[in-house]
Protein backbone atom coordinates (compact mmCIF):
# COMPACT_ATOMS: atom_id res chain seq x y z
CA MET A 1 3.63 22.38 -18.24
CA LEU A 2 4.26 18.76 -17.26
CA LEU A 3 1.89 17.56 -19.99
CA ARG A 4 3.81 19.63 -22.53
CA ALA A 5 7.02 17.99 -21.35
CA ALA A 6 5.45 14.53 -21.73
CA GLU A 7 4.40 15.32 -25.28
CA GLU A 8 7.87 16.63 -26.10
CA LEU A 9 9.56 13.55 -24.61
CA ALA A 10 7.19 10.93 -26.05
CA PRO A 11 8.45 8.33 -28.52
CA GLU A 12 7.91 8.94 -32.21
CA GLY A 13 4.39 8.11 -33.33
CA VAL A 14 2.77 8.96 -30.00
CA SER A 15 0.30 11.83 -30.10
CA PHE A 16 -1.64 13.60 -27.37
CA THR A 17 -5.10 15.10 -27.19
CA SER A 18 -5.91 17.20 -24.13
CA ALA A 19 -9.34 17.52 -22.61
CA ASP A 20 -10.29 21.04 -21.53
CA ILE A 21 -11.80 20.18 -18.16
CA GLY A 22 -12.02 23.81 -17.09
CA LYS A 23 -15.15 24.41 -19.17
CA LEU A 24 -17.21 21.62 -17.60
CA PRO A 25 -20.15 22.59 -15.40
CA LEU A 26 -20.16 21.42 -11.80
CA TYR A 27 -21.44 17.87 -11.59
CA ASN A 28 -25.15 17.68 -10.84
CA GLU A 29 -27.10 14.41 -11.11
CA ASP A 30 -30.32 16.29 -11.91
CA VAL A 31 -28.60 17.89 -14.91
CA ARG A 32 -27.08 14.55 -15.98
CA ALA A 33 -30.51 12.91 -15.82
CA GLN A 34 -31.55 15.33 -18.59
CA GLY A 35 -28.54 14.30 -20.69
CA PHE A 36 -24.85 15.08 -20.70
CA PRO A 37 -23.98 18.72 -21.43
CA GLN A 38 -22.11 19.11 -24.73
CA PRO A 39 -18.65 19.73 -23.19
CA VAL A 40 -19.08 16.59 -21.07
CA GLU A 41 -20.12 14.50 -24.05
CA GLU A 42 -17.10 15.74 -25.99
CA MET A 43 -14.79 14.77 -23.13
CA ARG A 44 -16.40 11.34 -22.82
CA GLU A 45 -15.85 10.79 -26.55
CA GLN A 46 -12.19 11.83 -26.21
CA ILE A 47 -11.74 9.29 -23.42
CA ARG A 48 -13.52 6.60 -25.41
CA ALA A 49 -11.34 7.26 -28.48
CA ALA A 50 -8.04 7.35 -26.58
CA ASP A 51 -5.70 4.38 -26.64
CA ALA A 52 -4.50 5.35 -23.15
CA LEU A 53 -4.95 8.07 -20.54
CA LEU A 54 -2.32 10.28 -18.94
CA PHE A 55 -3.35 12.23 -15.85
CA ALA A 56 -1.21 15.17 -14.77
CA THR A 57 -2.22 16.75 -11.52
CA PRO A 58 -1.10 19.33 -9.03
CA GLU A 59 -2.04 18.90 -5.38
CA TYR A 60 -4.45 21.25 -3.64
CA ASN A 61 -5.02 20.96 0.11
CA TYR A 62 -3.49 17.45 0.22
CA SER A 63 -5.89 16.28 -2.47
CA VAL A 64 -6.88 16.04 -6.13
CA PRO A 65 -7.95 19.43 -7.50
CA GLY A 66 -11.71 19.86 -7.58
CA VAL A 67 -11.76 20.52 -11.31
CA LEU A 68 -10.15 17.12 -12.00
CA LYS A 69 -12.49 15.31 -9.61
CA ASN A 70 -15.43 17.09 -11.26
CA ALA A 71 -14.31 15.92 -14.72
CA ILE A 72 -13.92 12.34 -13.52
CA ASP A 73 -17.35 12.45 -11.86
CA TRP A 74 -18.97 13.61 -15.11
CA ALA A 75 -17.12 11.15 -17.34
CA SER A 76 -17.70 8.16 -15.09
CA ARG A 77 -21.49 8.25 -15.11
CA PRO A 78 -23.44 5.54 -16.94
CA PRO A 79 -24.19 4.55 -19.53
CA ASP A 80 -20.97 3.19 -21.04
CA GLN A 81 -18.45 4.56 -18.56
CA PRO A 82 -15.53 5.32 -20.94
CA PHE A 83 -12.68 4.75 -18.46
CA ASN A 84 -13.39 1.02 -18.15
CA GLY A 85 -10.39 -1.06 -19.17
CA LYS A 86 -8.23 1.85 -20.36
CA PRO A 87 -4.50 1.83 -19.71
CA GLY A 88 -3.35 4.92 -17.87
CA ALA A 89 -0.57 6.70 -16.04
CA ILE A 90 -0.38 9.46 -13.45
CA MET A 91 2.19 12.17 -12.91
CA GLY A 92 2.10 15.38 -10.96
CA ALA A 93 3.95 18.49 -9.93
CA SER A 94 3.81 20.65 -6.85
CA PRO A 95 5.98 23.24 -5.13
CA SER A 96 5.82 21.00 -2.04
CA MET A 97 8.47 18.44 -1.14
CA LEU A 98 6.05 15.58 -1.86
CA GLY A 99 5.43 16.62 -5.47
CA SER A 100 1.70 15.73 -5.57
CA ALA A 101 2.09 12.31 -3.90
CA ARG A 102 -1.08 12.65 -1.81
CA ALA A 103 -3.17 13.74 -4.79
CA GLN A 104 -1.78 10.90 -6.89
CA TYR A 105 -2.59 8.37 -4.19
CA GLN A 106 -6.21 9.52 -4.11
CA LEU A 107 -6.38 9.53 -7.90
CA ARG A 108 -5.04 5.95 -7.96
CA GLN A 109 -7.86 4.90 -5.63
CA THR A 110 -10.39 6.46 -7.97
CA CYS A 111 -8.80 4.73 -10.96
CA VAL A 112 -9.17 1.34 -9.25
CA TYR A 113 -12.91 1.93 -8.94
CA LEU A 114 -13.12 3.08 -12.58
CA ASN A 115 -11.17 0.00 -13.77
CA ILE A 116 -8.35 2.04 -15.30
CA PHE A 117 -5.24 -0.14 -15.56
CA LEU A 118 -2.46 2.13 -14.33
CA VAL A 119 1.25 1.90 -14.93
CA ASN A 120 2.75 1.39 -11.48
CA GLN A 121 6.30 2.53 -12.21
CA PRO A 122 7.99 4.82 -12.57
CA GLU A 123 6.19 7.19 -10.28
CA VAL A 124 6.59 10.84 -11.28
CA PHE A 125 6.32 13.18 -8.31
CA VAL A 126 7.81 16.53 -9.33
CA ALA A 127 8.71 18.17 -6.01
CA ALA A 128 9.79 21.81 -5.85
CA ALA A 129 8.26 22.18 -9.30
CA ASN A 130 8.54 25.96 -9.14
CA HIS A 131 12.31 25.48 -9.60
CA LYS A 132 12.18 22.87 -12.38
CA PHE A 133 10.54 24.83 -15.20
CA ASP A 134 11.88 27.89 -16.99
CA ASP A 135 10.01 31.14 -17.66
CA GLU A 136 8.55 29.66 -20.88
CA GLY A 137 7.16 26.65 -18.99
CA ARG A 138 9.76 24.18 -20.29
CA LEU A 139 10.84 21.40 -17.94
CA THR A 140 14.56 22.02 -17.39
CA ASP A 141 15.45 19.49 -14.70
CA GLU A 142 17.24 16.63 -16.52
CA GLN A 143 16.45 13.94 -13.94
CA THR A 144 12.77 14.79 -14.11
CA ARG A 145 12.85 14.87 -17.93
CA LYS A 146 14.29 11.34 -17.94
CA LEU A 147 11.66 10.14 -15.49
CA VAL A 148 8.81 11.63 -17.53
CA ALA A 149 10.20 10.04 -20.72
CA LYS A 150 10.43 6.70 -18.94
CA LEU A 151 6.82 6.99 -17.72
CA ILE A 152 5.56 7.72 -21.23
CA GLN A 153 7.54 4.78 -22.65
CA SER A 154 6.12 2.56 -19.91
CA LEU A 155 2.60 3.71 -20.75
CA VAL A 156 3.16 2.99 -24.44
CA SER A 157 4.51 -0.50 -23.67
CA TRP A 158 1.68 -1.17 -21.22
CA THR A 159 -0.91 -0.07 -23.79
CA VAL A 160 0.54 -2.38 -26.44
CA ARG A 161 0.62 -5.24 -23.96
CA LEU A 162 -3.00 -4.76 -22.90
CA LYS A 163 -4.21 -4.50 -26.50
CA ALA A 164 -2.41 -7.74 -27.37
CA GLY A 165 -4.48 -9.22 -24.60
């Protein structure tokens, strides 16, 4: 739902492509040694083709959800790790009072290793998320909507700046 809000609030000319990480097999180096499974290769191509990356994550057990970590593990394998040098941003939502802060911190650590150049501010931690979306999944909290819009604008500006090099 937070990704839908980001797309809705993005500046004109910005488009989004989502990766369906739920259909990826569990990471297994023996399988990867035989070649990337088709869904993994498709995701790696999406990452490679993207101008920038936007991660949206909940928090499970004080951590990054396993399905997201699995996708990153698959995509980050050689050859030609597609995250390298990409601009990126992180946002997250959780019913907790910390709004995915712990998961985002761990994801930031992973992004450092992968050489993803993250936007540092604003940070978007949607706390009590179960009260900030309506029954149709639309983000209704105005403060959060402004923060998400600011993050997307920051990511766009950061991407332009990095490309100008």
